Amino acid sequence: YRVRGIGLVPPVELPRFKRTGTTLAEARRETRRVRFDGE
């Protein structure tokens, strides 16, 4: 069966994350050798 319904739904408010103060260095796990354009 294919059913189509039309109705009003309340808007969804997605939760926003707050800054924690974590730095880029703190999120870094490691360094890998990667090849981009042959280099």
PDB file of all heavy atoms in Angstrom:
ATOM      1  N   TYR A   1       0.861  -1.178   0.000  1.00  0.00           N
ATOM      2  CA  TYR A   1       0.000   0.000   0.000  1.00  0.00           C
ATOM      3  C   TYR A   1       0.894   1.223   0.000  1.00  0.00           C
ATOM      4  O   TYR A   1       1.929   1.245   0.660  1.00  0.00           O
ATOM      5  CB  TYR A   1      -0.871   0.050   1.267  1.00  0.00           C
ATOM      6  CG  TYR A   1      -1.888  -1.041   1.363  1.00  0.00           C
ATOM      7  CD1 TYR A   1      -1.596  -2.237   2.010  1.00  0.00           C
ATOM      8  CD2 TYR A   1      -3.152  -0.885   0.821  1.00  0.00           C
ATOM      9  CE1 TYR A   1      -2.532  -3.243   2.115  1.00  0.00           C
ATOM     10  CE2 TYR A   1      -4.105  -1.886   0.921  1.00  0.00           C
ATOM     11  CZ  TYR A   1      -3.784  -3.066   1.573  1.00  0.00           C
ATOM     12  OH  TYR A   1      -4.717  -4.045   1.678  1.00  0.00           O
ATOM     13  N   ARG A   2       0.500   2.228  -0.717  1.00  0.00           N
ATOM     14  CA  ARG A   2       1.196   3.514  -0.666  1.00  0.00           C
ATOM     15  C   ARG A   2       0.211   4.513  -0.083  1.00  0.00           C
ATOM     16  O   ARG A   2      -0.871   4.706  -0.638  1.00  0.00           O
ATOM     17  CB  ARG A   2       1.649   3.942  -2.048  1.00  0.00           C
ATOM     18  CG  ARG A   2       2.785   3.107  -2.572  1.00  0.00           C
ATOM     19  CD  ARG A   2       3.245   3.601  -3.936  1.00  0.00           C
ATOM     20  NE  ARG A   2       4.346   2.822  -4.409  1.00  0.00           N
ATOM     21  CZ  ARG A   2       4.252   1.694  -5.099  1.00  0.00           C
ATOM     22  NH1 ARG A   2       3.059   1.204  -5.374  1.00  0.00           N
ATOM     23  NH2 ARG A   2       5.321   1.054  -5.498  1.00  0.00           N
ATOM     24  N   VAL A   3       0.594   5.103   1.007  1.00  0.00           N
ATOM     25  CA  VAL A   3      -0.280   6.035   1.689  1.00  0.00           C
ATOM     26  C   VAL A   3       0.434   7.367   1.805  1.00  0.00           C
ATOM     27  O   VAL A   3       1.629   7.425   2.094  1.00  0.00           O
ATOM     28  CB  VAL A   3      -0.638   5.505   3.103  1.00  0.00           C
ATOM     29  CG1 VAL A   3      -1.526   6.494   3.836  1.00  0.00           C
ATOM     30  CG2 VAL A   3      -1.303   4.145   3.008  1.00  0.00           C
ATOM     31  N   ARG A   4      -0.288   8.435   1.552  1.00  0.00           N
ATOM     32  CA  ARG A   4       0.279   9.767   1.695  1.00  0.00           C
ATOM     33  C   ARG A   4      -0.552  10.511   2.723  1.00  0.00           C
ATOM     34  O   ARG A   4      -1.774  10.508   2.668  1.00  0.00           O
ATOM     35  CB  ARG A   4       0.246  10.499   0.355  1.00  0.00           C
ATOM     36  CG  ARG A   4       0.809  11.878   0.441  1.00  0.00           C
ATOM     37  CD  ARG A   4       0.904  12.572  -0.885  1.00  0.00           C
ATOM     38  NE  ARG A   4      -0.113  12.144  -1.834  1.00  0.00           N
ATOM     39  CZ  ARG A   4      -0.399  12.780  -2.942  1.00  0.00           C
ATOM     40  NH1 ARG A   4       0.254  13.853  -3.270  1.00  0.00           N
ATOM     41  NH2 ARG A   4      -1.317  12.343  -3.760  1.00  0.00           N
ATOM     42  N   GLY A   5       0.134  11.100   3.666  1.00  0.00           N
ATOM     43  CA  GLY A   5      -0.553  11.864   4.692  1.00  0.00           C
ATOM     44  C   GLY A   5       0.012  13.268   4.777  1.00  0.00           C
ATOM     45  O   GLY A   5       1.198  13.489   4.549  1.00  0.00           O
ATOM     46  N   ILE A   6      -0.840  14.183   5.084  1.00  0.00           N
ATOM     47  CA  ILE A   6      -0.432  15.569   5.243  1.00  0.00           C
ATOM     48  C   ILE A   6      -0.920  16.021   6.609  1.00  0.00           C
ATOM     49  O   ILE A   6      -2.069  15.792   6.968  1.00  0.00           O
ATOM     50  CB  ILE A   6      -1.030  16.462   4.136  1.00  0.00           C
ATOM     51  CG1 ILE A   6      -0.548  15.980   2.765  1.00  0.00           C
ATOM     52  CG2 ILE A   6      -0.678  17.917   4.368  1.00  0.00           C
ATOM     53  CD1 ILE A   6      -1.226  16.662   1.600  1.00  0.00           C
ATOM     54  N   GLY A   7      -0.041  16.628   7.368  1.00  0.00           N
ATOM     55  CA  GLY A   7      -0.445  17.085   8.679  1.00  0.00           C
ATOM     56  C   GLY A   7       0.547  18.081   9.235  1.00  0.00           C
ATOM     57  O   GLY A   7       1.626  18.292   8.674  1.00  0.00           O
ATOM     58  N   LEU A   8       0.182  18.681  10.312  1.00  0.00           N
ATOM     59  CA  LEU A   8       1.053  19.641  10.969  1.00  0.00           C
ATOM     60  C   LEU A   8       1.784  18.945  12.106  1.00  0.00           C
ATOM     61  O   LEU A   8       1.179  18.191  12.869  1.00  0.00           O
ATOM     62  CB  LEU A   8       0.232  20.809  11.517  1.00  0.00           C
ATOM     63  CG  LEU A   8      -0.528  21.639  10.478  1.00  0.00           C
ATOM     64  CD1 LEU A   8      -1.409  22.668  11.182  1.00  0.00           C
ATOM     65  CD2 LEU A   8       0.456  22.323   9.550  1.00  0.00           C
ATOM     66  N   VAL A   9       3.052  19.192  12.175  1.00  0.00           N
ATOM     67  CA  VAL A   9       3.853  18.651  13.274  1.00  0.00           C
ATOM     68  C   VAL A   9       4.535  19.825  13.969  1.00  0.00           C
ATOM     69  O   VAL A   9       4.867  20.831  13.340  1.00  0.00           O
ATOM     70  CB  VAL A   9       4.906  17.627  12.784  1.00  0.00           C
ATOM     71  CG1 VAL A   9       4.237  16.403  12.197  1.00  0.00           C
ATOM     72  CG2 VAL A   9       5.838  18.237  11.776  1.00  0.00           C
ATOM     73  N   PRO A  10       4.743  19.693  15.257  1.00  0.00           N
ATOM     74  CA  PRO A  10       5.412  20.792  15.954  1.00  0.00           C
ATOM     75  C   PRO A  10       6.875  20.891  15.509  1.00  0.00           C
ATOM     76  O   PRO A  10       7.493  19.884  15.151  1.00  0.00           O
ATOM     77  CB  PRO A  10       5.318  20.399  17.433  1.00  0.00           C
ATOM     78  CG  PRO A  10       5.099  18.924  17.430  1.00  0.00           C
ATOM     79  CD  PRO A  10       4.394  18.593  16.144  1.00  0.00           C
ATOM     80  N   PRO A  11       7.428  22.079  15.502  1.00  0.00           N
ATOM     81  CA  PRO A  11       8.835  22.211  15.113  1.00  0.00           C
ATOM     82  C   PRO A  11       9.729  21.478  16.107  1.00  0.00           C
ATOM     83  O   PRO A  11       9.417  21.383  17.292  1.00  0.00           O
ATOM     84  CB  PRO A  11       9.091  23.717  15.146  1.00  0.00           C
ATOM     85  CG  PRO A  11       7.958  24.311  15.902  1.00  0.00           C
ATOM     86  CD  PRO A  11       6.824  23.352  15.865  1.00  0.00           C
ATOM     87  N   VAL A  12      10.817  20.946  15.583  1.00  0.00           N
ATOM     88  CA  VAL A  12      11.772  20.221  16.408  1.00  0.00           C
ATOM     89  C   VAL A  12      12.920  21.162  16.754  1.00  0.00           C
ATOM     90  O   VAL A  12      13.515  21.774  15.872  1.00  0.00           O
ATOM     91  CB  VAL A  12      12.324  18.984  15.658  1.00  0.00           C
ATOM     92  CG1 VAL A  12      13.391  18.295  16.474  1.00  0.00           C
ATOM     93  CG2 VAL A  12      11.193  18.037  15.313  1.00  0.00           C
ATOM     94  N   GLU A  13      13.203  21.283  18.000  1.00  0.00           N
ATOM     95  CA  GLU A  13      14.320  22.117  18.449  1.00  0.00           C
ATOM     96  C   GLU A  13      15.464  21.191  18.832  1.00  0.00           C
ATOM     97  O   GLU A  13      15.373  20.459  19.817  1.00  0.00           O
ATOM     98  CB  GLU A  13      13.894  22.971  19.650  1.00  0.00           C
ATOM     99  CG  GLU A  13      14.958  23.932  20.131  1.00  0.00           C
ATOM    100  CD  GLU A  13      15.316  25.009  19.113  1.00  0.00           C
ATOM    101  OE1 GLU A  13      14.424  25.452  18.352  1.00  0.00           O
ATOM    102  OE2 GLU A  13      16.496  25.395  19.065  1.00  0.00           O
ATOM    103  N   LEU A  14      16.493  21.173  18.014  1.00  0.00           N
ATOM    104  CA  LEU A  14      17.642  20.326  18.299  1.00  0.00           C
ATOM    105  C   LEU A  14      18.509  20.960  19.380  1.00  0.00           C
ATOM    106  O   LEU A  14      18.717  22.180  19.375  1.00  0.00           O
ATOM    107  CB  LEU A  14      18.475  20.123  17.027  1.00  0.00           C
ATOM    108  CG  LEU A  14      17.764  19.389  15.894  1.00  0.00           C
ATOM    109  CD1 LEU A  14      18.650  19.370  14.654  1.00  0.00           C
ATOM    110  CD2 LEU A  14      17.412  17.973  16.309  1.00  0.00           C
ATOM    111  N   PRO A  15      19.005  20.145  20.284  1.00  0.00           N
ATOM    112  CA  PRO A  15      19.852  20.714  21.341  1.00  0.00           C
ATOM    113  C   PRO A  15      21.173  21.215  20.763  1.00  0.00           C
ATOM    114  O   PRO A  15      21.747  20.605  19.864  1.00  0.00           O
ATOM    115  CB  PRO A  15      20.086  19.527  22.280  1.00  0.00           C
ATOM    116  CG  PRO A  15      19.866  18.324  21.440  1.00  0.00           C
ATOM    117  CD  PRO A  15      18.869  18.706  20.389  1.00  0.00           C
ATOM    118  N   ARG A  16      21.613  22.341  21.267  1.00  0.00           N
ATOM    119  CA  ARG A  16      22.887  22.913  20.840  1.00  0.00           C
ATOM    120  C   ARG A  16      23.950  22.555  21.865  1.00  0.00           C
ATOM    121  O   ARG A  16      23.682  22.512  23.055  1.00  0.00           O
ATOM    122  CB  ARG A  16      22.770  24.429  20.724  1.00  0.00           C
ATOM    123  CG  ARG A  16      21.785  24.845  19.665  1.00  0.00           C
ATOM    124  CD  ARG A  16      21.559  26.345  19.689  1.00  0.00           C
ATOM    125  NE  ARG A  16      20.427  26.673  18.862  1.00  0.00           N
ATOM    126  CZ  ARG A  16      20.463  27.571  17.896  1.00  0.00           C
ATOM    127  NH1 ARG A  16      21.557  28.251  17.654  1.00  0.00           N
ATOM    128  NH2 ARG A  16      19.397  27.808  17.180  1.00  0.00           N
ATOM    129  N   PHE A  17      25.129  22.281  21.356  1.00  0.00           N
ATOM    130  CA  PHE A  17      26.252  21.960  22.235  1.00  0.00           C
ATOM    131  C   PHE A  17      26.934  23.248  22.673  1.00  0.00           C
ATOM    132  O   PHE A  17      27.003  24.213  21.927  1.00  0.00           O
ATOM    133  CB  PHE A  17      27.255  21.063  21.507  1.00  0.00           C
ATOM    134  CG  PHE A  17      26.730  19.681  21.244  1.00  0.00           C
ATOM    135  CD1 PHE A  17      25.982  19.412  20.112  1.00  0.00           C
ATOM    136  CD2 PHE A  17      26.984  18.656  22.128  1.00  0.00           C
ATOM    137  CE1 PHE A  17      25.492  18.134  19.859  1.00  0.00           C
ATOM    138  CE2 PHE A  17      26.497  17.375  21.897  1.00  0.00           C
ATOM    139  CZ  PHE A  17      25.746  17.122  20.754  1.00  0.00           C
ATOM    140  N   LYS A  18      27.428  23.243  23.865  1.00  0.00           N
ATOM    141  CA  LYS A  18      28.175  24.393  24.381  1.00  0.00           C
ATOM    142  C   LYS A  18      29.662  24.093  24.274  1.00  0.00           C
ATOM    143  O   LYS A  18      30.087  22.948  24.286  1.00  0.00           O
ATOM    144  CB  LYS A  18      27.806  24.645  25.834  1.00  0.00           C
ATOM    145  CG  LYS A  18      26.331  24.959  26.023  1.00  0.00           C
ATOM    146  CD  LYS A  18      26.132  25.796  27.249  1.00  0.00           C
ATOM    147  CE  LYS A  18      24.679  26.066  27.514  1.00  0.00           C
ATOM    148  NZ  LYS A  18      24.019  26.902  26.600  1.00  0.00           N
ATOM    149  N   ARG A  19      30.441  25.153  24.182  1.00  0.00           N
ATOM    150  CA  ARG A  19      31.893  25.000  24.156  1.00  0.00           C
ATOM    151  C   ARG A  19      32.373  24.396  25.469  1.00  0.00           C
ATOM    152  O   ARG A  19      31.899  24.760  26.540  1.00  0.00           O
ATOM    153  CB  ARG A  19      32.570  26.348  23.955  1.00  0.00           C
ATOM    154  CG  ARG A  19      32.515  26.791  22.540  1.00  0.00           C
ATOM    155  CD  ARG A  19      33.412  27.963  22.331  1.00  0.00           C
ATOM    156  NE  ARG A  19      33.434  28.228  20.902  1.00  0.00           N
ATOM    157  CZ  ARG A  19      34.165  29.138  20.344  1.00  0.00           C
ATOM    158  NH1 ARG A  19      34.955  29.889  21.077  1.00  0.00           N
ATOM    159  NH2 ARG A  19      34.132  29.313  19.050  1.00  0.00           N
ATOM    160  N   THR A  20      33.311  23.486  25.341  1.00  0.00           N
ATOM    161  CA  THR A  20      33.887  22.867  26.540  1.00  0.00           C
ATOM    162  C   THR A  20      35.283  23.398  26.822  1.00  0.00           C
ATOM    163  O   THR A  20      35.822  23.159  27.887  1.00  0.00           O
ATOM    164  CB  THR A  20      33.972  21.345  26.374  1.00  0.00           C
ATOM    165  OG1 THR A  20      34.856  21.050  25.276  1.00  0.00           O
ATOM    166  CG2 THR A  20      32.605  20.735  26.129  1.00  0.00           C
ATOM    167  N   GLY A  21      35.858  24.070  25.830  1.00  0.00           N
ATOM    168  CA  GLY A  21      37.213  24.578  25.994  1.00  0.00           C
ATOM    169  C   GLY A  21      38.282  23.610  25.537  1.00  0.00           C
ATOM    170  O   GLY A  21      39.474  23.886  25.663  1.00  0.00           O
ATOM    171  N   THR A  22      37.872  22.456  24.987  1.00  0.00           N
ATOM    172  CA  THR A  22      38.848  21.494  24.475  1.00  0.00           C
ATOM    173  C   THR A  22      39.578  22.108  23.281  1.00  0.00           C
ATOM    174  O   THR A  22      38.948  22.660  22.380  1.00  0.00           O
ATOM    175  CB  THR A  22      38.147  20.185  24.040  1.00  0.00           C
ATOM    176  OG1 THR A  22      37.417  19.665  25.136  1.00  0.00           O
ATOM    177  CG2 THR A  22      39.147  19.162  23.552  1.00  0.00           C
ATOM    178  N   THR A  23      40.883  22.004  23.276  1.00  0.00           N
ATOM    179  CA  THR A  23      41.675  22.583  22.189  1.00  0.00           C
ATOM    180  C   THR A  23      41.861  21.567  21.081  1.00  0.00           C
ATOM    181  O   THR A  23      41.644  20.358  21.264  1.00  0.00           O
ATOM    182  CB  THR A  23      43.059  23.016  22.699  1.00  0.00           C
ATOM    183  OG1 THR A  23      43.782  21.840  23.085  1.00  0.00           O
ATOM    184  CG2 THR A  23      42.949  23.991  23.857  1.00  0.00           C
ATOM    185  N   LEU A  24      42.291  22.056  19.940  1.00  0.00           N
ATOM    186  CA  LEU A  24      42.582  21.186  18.812  1.00  0.00           C
ATOM    187  C   LEU A  24      43.669  20.185  19.192  1.00  0.00           C
ATOM    188  O   LEU A  24      43.578  19.002  18.856  1.00  0.00           O
ATOM    189  CB  LEU A  24      43.014  22.048  17.611  1.00  0.00           C
ATOM    190  CG  LEU A  24      42.997  21.395  16.245  1.00  0.00           C
ATOM    191  CD1 LEU A  24      41.642  20.813  15.915  1.00  0.00           C
ATOM    192  CD2 LEU A  24      43.422  22.396  15.178  1.00  0.00           C
ATOM    193  N   ALA A  25      44.684  20.641  19.929  1.00  0.00           N
ATOM    194  CA  ALA A  25      45.767  19.750  20.359  1.00  0.00           C
ATOM    195  C   ALA A  25      45.247  18.624  21.243  1.00  0.00           C
ATOM    196  O   ALA A  25      45.719  17.485  21.158  1.00  0.00           O
ATOM    197  CB  ALA A  25      46.840  20.550  21.086  1.00  0.00           C
ATOM    198  N   GLU A  26      44.256  18.904  22.076  1.00  0.00           N
ATOM    199  CA  GLU A  26      43.698  17.873  22.960  1.00  0.00           C
ATOM    200  C   GLU A  26      42.860  16.840  22.201  1.00  0.00           C
ATOM    201  O   GLU A  26      42.700  15.709  22.660  1.00  0.00           O
ATOM    202  CB  GLU A  26      42.845  18.516  24.064  1.00  0.00           C
ATOM    203  CG  GLU A  26      43.660  19.312  25.057  1.00  0.00           C
ATOM    204  CD  GLU A  26      42.799  20.129  25.994  1.00  0.00           C
ATOM    205  OE1 GLU A  26      41.827  20.768  25.523  1.00  0.00           O
ATOM    206  OE2 GLU A  26      43.109  20.133  27.194  1.00  0.00           O
ATOM    207  N   ALA A  27      42.323  17.221  21.068  1.00  0.00           N
ATOM    208  CA  ALA A  27      41.537  16.298  20.257  1.00  0.00           C
ATOM    209  C   ALA A  27      42.408  15.453  19.328  1.00  0.00           C
ATOM    210  O   ALA A  27      41.941  14.480  18.749  1.00  0.00           O
ATOM    211  CB  ALA A  27      40.514  17.072  19.430  1.00  0.00           C
ATOM    212  N   ARG A  28      43.663  15.800  19.203  1.00  0.00           N
ATOM    213  CA  ARG A  28      44.577  15.100  18.298  1.00  0.00           C
ATOM    214  C   ARG A  28      44.982  13.753  18.881  1.00  0.00           C
ATOM    215  O   ARG A  28      45.402  13.650  20.018  1.00  0.00           O
ATOM    216  CB  ARG A  28      45.815  15.965  18.063  1.00  0.00           C
ATOM    217  CG  ARG A  28      46.704  15.449  16.976  1.00  0.00           C
ATOM    218  CD  ARG A  28      47.770  16.485  16.704  1.00  0.00           C
ATOM    219  NE  ARG A  28      48.668  16.035  15.665  1.00  0.00           N
ATOM    220  CZ  ARG A  28      49.363  16.836  14.912  1.00  0.00           C
ATOM    221  NH1 ARG A  28      49.267  18.152  15.083  1.00  0.00           N
ATOM    222  NH2 ARG A  28      50.157  16.365  13.993  1.00  0.00           N
ATOM    223  N   ARG A  29      44.839  12.706  18.074  1.00  0.00           N
ATOM    224  CA  ARG A  29      45.188  11.347  18.509  1.00  0.00           C
ATOM    225  C   ARG A  29      46.580  10.942  18.077  1.00  0.00           C
ATOM    226  O   ARG A  29      47.288  10.264  18.794  1.00  0.00           O
ATOM    227  CB  ARG A  29      44.195  10.349  17.910  1.00  0.00           C
ATOM    228  CG  ARG A  29      42.833  10.411  18.534  1.00  0.00           C
ATOM    229  CD  ARG A  29      41.899   9.363  17.999  1.00  0.00           C
ATOM    230  NE  ARG A  29      42.561   8.094  17.795  1.00  0.00           N
ATOM    231  CZ  ARG A  29      42.148   7.182  16.925  1.00  0.00           C
ATOM    232  NH1 ARG A  29      41.086   7.397  16.197  1.00  0.00           N
ATOM    233  NH2 ARG A  29      42.782   6.045  16.789  1.00  0.00           N
ATOM    234  N   GLU A  30      46.912  11.304  16.833  1.00  0.00           N
ATOM    235  CA  GLU A  30      48.182  10.858  16.269  1.00  0.00           C
ATOM    236  C   GLU A  30      48.456  11.615  14.977  1.00  0.00           C
ATOM    237  O   GLU A  30      47.680  12.473  14.570  1.00  0.00           O
ATOM    238  CB  GLU A  30      48.135   9.348  15.978  1.00  0.00           C
ATOM    239  CG  GLU A  30      47.082   8.968  14.921  1.00  0.00           C
ATOM    240  CD  GLU A  30      47.023   7.480  14.661  1.00  0.00           C
ATOM    241  OE1 GLU A  30      48.077   6.818  14.686  1.00  0.00           O
ATOM    242  OE2 GLU A  30      45.918   6.970  14.414  1.00  0.00           O
ATOM    243  N   THR A  31      49.563  11.255  14.346  1.00  0.00           N
ATOM    244  CA  THR A  31      49.905  11.754  13.019  1.00  0.00           C
ATOM    245  C   THR A  31      50.094  10.548  12.115  1.00  0.00           C
ATOM    246  O   THR A  31      50.698   9.557  12.522  1.00  0.00           O
ATOM    247  CB  THR A  31      51.204  12.586  13.066  1.00  0.00           C
ATOM    248  OG1 THR A  31      50.991  13.686  13.954  1.00  0.00           O
ATOM    249  CG2 THR A  31      51.572  13.119  11.699  1.00  0.00           C
ATOM    250  N   ARG A  32      49.580  10.620  10.895  1.00  0.00           N
ATOM    251  CA  ARG A  32      49.737   9.533   9.921  1.00  0.00           C
ATOM    252  C   ARG A  32      50.357  10.091   8.649  1.00  0.00           C
ATOM    253  O   ARG A  32      50.107  11.229   8.273  1.00  0.00           O
ATOM    254  CB  ARG A  32      48.381   8.926   9.545  1.00  0.00           C
ATOM    255  CG  ARG A  32      47.727   8.147  10.628  1.00  0.00           C
ATOM    256  CD  ARG A  32      46.448   7.487  10.117  1.00  0.00           C
ATOM    257  NE  ARG A  32      45.616   7.121  11.245  1.00  0.00           N
ATOM    258  CZ  ARG A  32      44.304   7.017  11.208  1.00  0.00           C
ATOM    259  NH1 ARG A  32      43.651   7.241  10.084  1.00  0.00           N
ATOM    260  NH2 ARG A  32      43.635   6.683  12.282  1.00  0.00           N
ATOM    261  N   ARG A  33      51.137   9.244   7.977  1.00  0.00           N
ATOM    262  CA  ARG A  33      51.648   9.597   6.649  1.00  0.00           C
ATOM    263  C   ARG A  33      50.525   9.350   5.660  1.00  0.00           C
ATOM    264  O   ARG A  33      49.955   8.263   5.588  1.00  0.00           O
ATOM    265  CB  ARG A  33      52.847   8.730   6.254  1.00  0.00           C
ATOM    266  CG  ARG A  33      54.164   9.037   6.893  1.00  0.00           C
ATOM    267  CD  ARG A  33      54.688  10.416   6.660  1.00  0.00           C
ATOM    268  NE  ARG A  33      55.462  10.555   5.441  1.00  0.00           N
ATOM    269  CZ  ARG A  33      55.890  11.713   5.016  1.00  0.00           C
ATOM    270  NH1 ARG A  33      55.632  12.816   5.688  1.00  0.00           N
ATOM    271  NH2 ARG A  33      56.581  11.810   3.910  1.00  0.00           N
ATOM    272  N   VAL A  34      50.177  10.413   4.920  1.00  0.00           N
ATOM    273  CA  VAL A  34      49.061  10.347   3.971  1.00  0.00           C
ATOM    274  C   VAL A  34      49.532  10.912   2.646  1.00  0.00           C
ATOM    275  O   VAL A  34      50.359  11.822   2.598  1.00  0.00           O
ATOM    276  CB  VAL A  34      47.856  11.159   4.514  1.00  0.00           C
ATOM    277  CG1 VAL A  34      46.697  11.128   3.545  1.00  0.00           C
ATOM    278  CG2 VAL A  34      47.422  10.630   5.875  1.00  0.00           C
ATOM    279  N   ARG A  35      49.003  10.373   1.558  1.00  0.00           N
ATOM    280  CA  ARG A  35      49.389  10.832   0.223  1.00  0.00           C
ATOM    281  C   ARG A  35      48.267  11.653  -0.393  1.00  0.00           C
ATOM    282  O   ARG A  35      47.127  11.197  -0.484  1.00  0.00           O
ATOM    283  CB  ARG A  35      49.694   9.632  -0.670  1.00  0.00           C
ATOM    284  CG  ARG A  35      50.203  10.010  -2.053  1.00  0.00           C
ATOM    285  CD  ARG A  35      50.396   8.784  -2.931  1.00  0.00           C
ATOM    286  NE  ARG A  35      51.194   7.765  -2.290  1.00  0.00           N
ATOM    287  CZ  ARG A  35      52.503   7.586  -2.482  1.00  0.00           C
ATOM    288  NH1 ARG A  35      53.150   8.377  -3.320  1.00  0.00           N
ATOM    289  NH2 ARG A  35      53.146   6.625  -1.869  1.00  0.00           N
ATOM    290  N   PHE A  36      48.581  12.886  -0.777  1.00  0.00           N
ATOM    291  CA  PHE A  36      47.669  13.770  -1.496  1.00  0.00           C
ATOM    292  C   PHE A  36      48.354  14.171  -2.789  1.00  0.00           C
ATOM    293  O   PHE A  36      49.470  14.689  -2.765  1.00  0.00           O
ATOM    294  CB  PHE A  36      47.355  15.032  -0.684  1.00  0.00           C
ATOM    295  CG  PHE A  36      46.497  14.775   0.521  1.00  0.00           C
ATOM    296  CD1 PHE A  36      47.066  14.681   1.777  1.00  0.00           C
ATOM    297  CD2 PHE A  36      45.123  14.637   0.392  1.00  0.00           C
ATOM    298  CE1 PHE A  36      46.275  14.456   2.895  1.00  0.00           C
ATOM    299  CE2 PHE A  36      44.326  14.415   1.507  1.00  0.00           C
ATOM    300  CZ  PHE A  36      44.903  14.320   2.763  1.00  0.00           C
ATOM    301  N   ASP A  37      47.694  13.936  -3.916  1.00  0.00           N
ATOM    302  CA  ASP A  37      48.242  14.298  -5.231  1.00  0.00           C
ATOM    303  C   ASP A  37      49.663  13.782  -5.405  1.00  0.00           C
ATOM    304  O   ASP A  37      50.541  14.491  -5.903  1.00  0.00           O
ATOM    305  CB  ASP A  37      48.186  15.815  -5.442  1.00  0.00           C
ATOM    306  CG  ASP A  37      46.756  16.321  -5.563  1.00  0.00           C
ATOM    307  OD1 ASP A  37      45.907  15.585  -6.109  1.00  0.00           O
ATOM    308  OD2 ASP A  37      46.489  17.444  -5.108  1.00  0.00           O
ATOM    309  N   GLY A  38      49.915  12.556  -4.963  1.00  0.00           N
ATOM    310  CA  GLY A  38      51.212  11.927  -5.157  1.00  0.00           C
ATOM    311  C   GLY A  38      52.282  12.354  -4.178  1.00  0.00           C
ATOM    312  O   GLY A  38      53.410  11.873  -4.239  1.00  0.00           O
ATOM    313  N   GLU A  39      51.964  13.240  -3.252  1.00  0.00           N
ATOM    314  CA  GLU A  39      52.953  13.714  -2.282  1.00  0.00           C
ATOM    315  C   GLU A  39      52.567  13.248  -0.882  1.00  0.00           C
ATOM    316  O   GLU A  39      51.428  13.441  -0.441  1.00  0.00           O
ATOM    317  CB  GLU A  39      53.014  15.248  -2.315  1.00  0.00           C
ATOM    318  CG  GLU A  39      54.043  15.824  -1.382  1.00  0.00           C
ATOM    319  CD  GLU A  39      54.047  17.344  -1.417  1.00  0.00           C
ATOM    320  OE1 GLU A  39      53.635  17.924  -2.436  1.00  0.00           O
ATOM    321  OE2 GLU A  39      54.434  17.937  -0.405  1.00  0.00           O
TER     322      GLU A  39
END
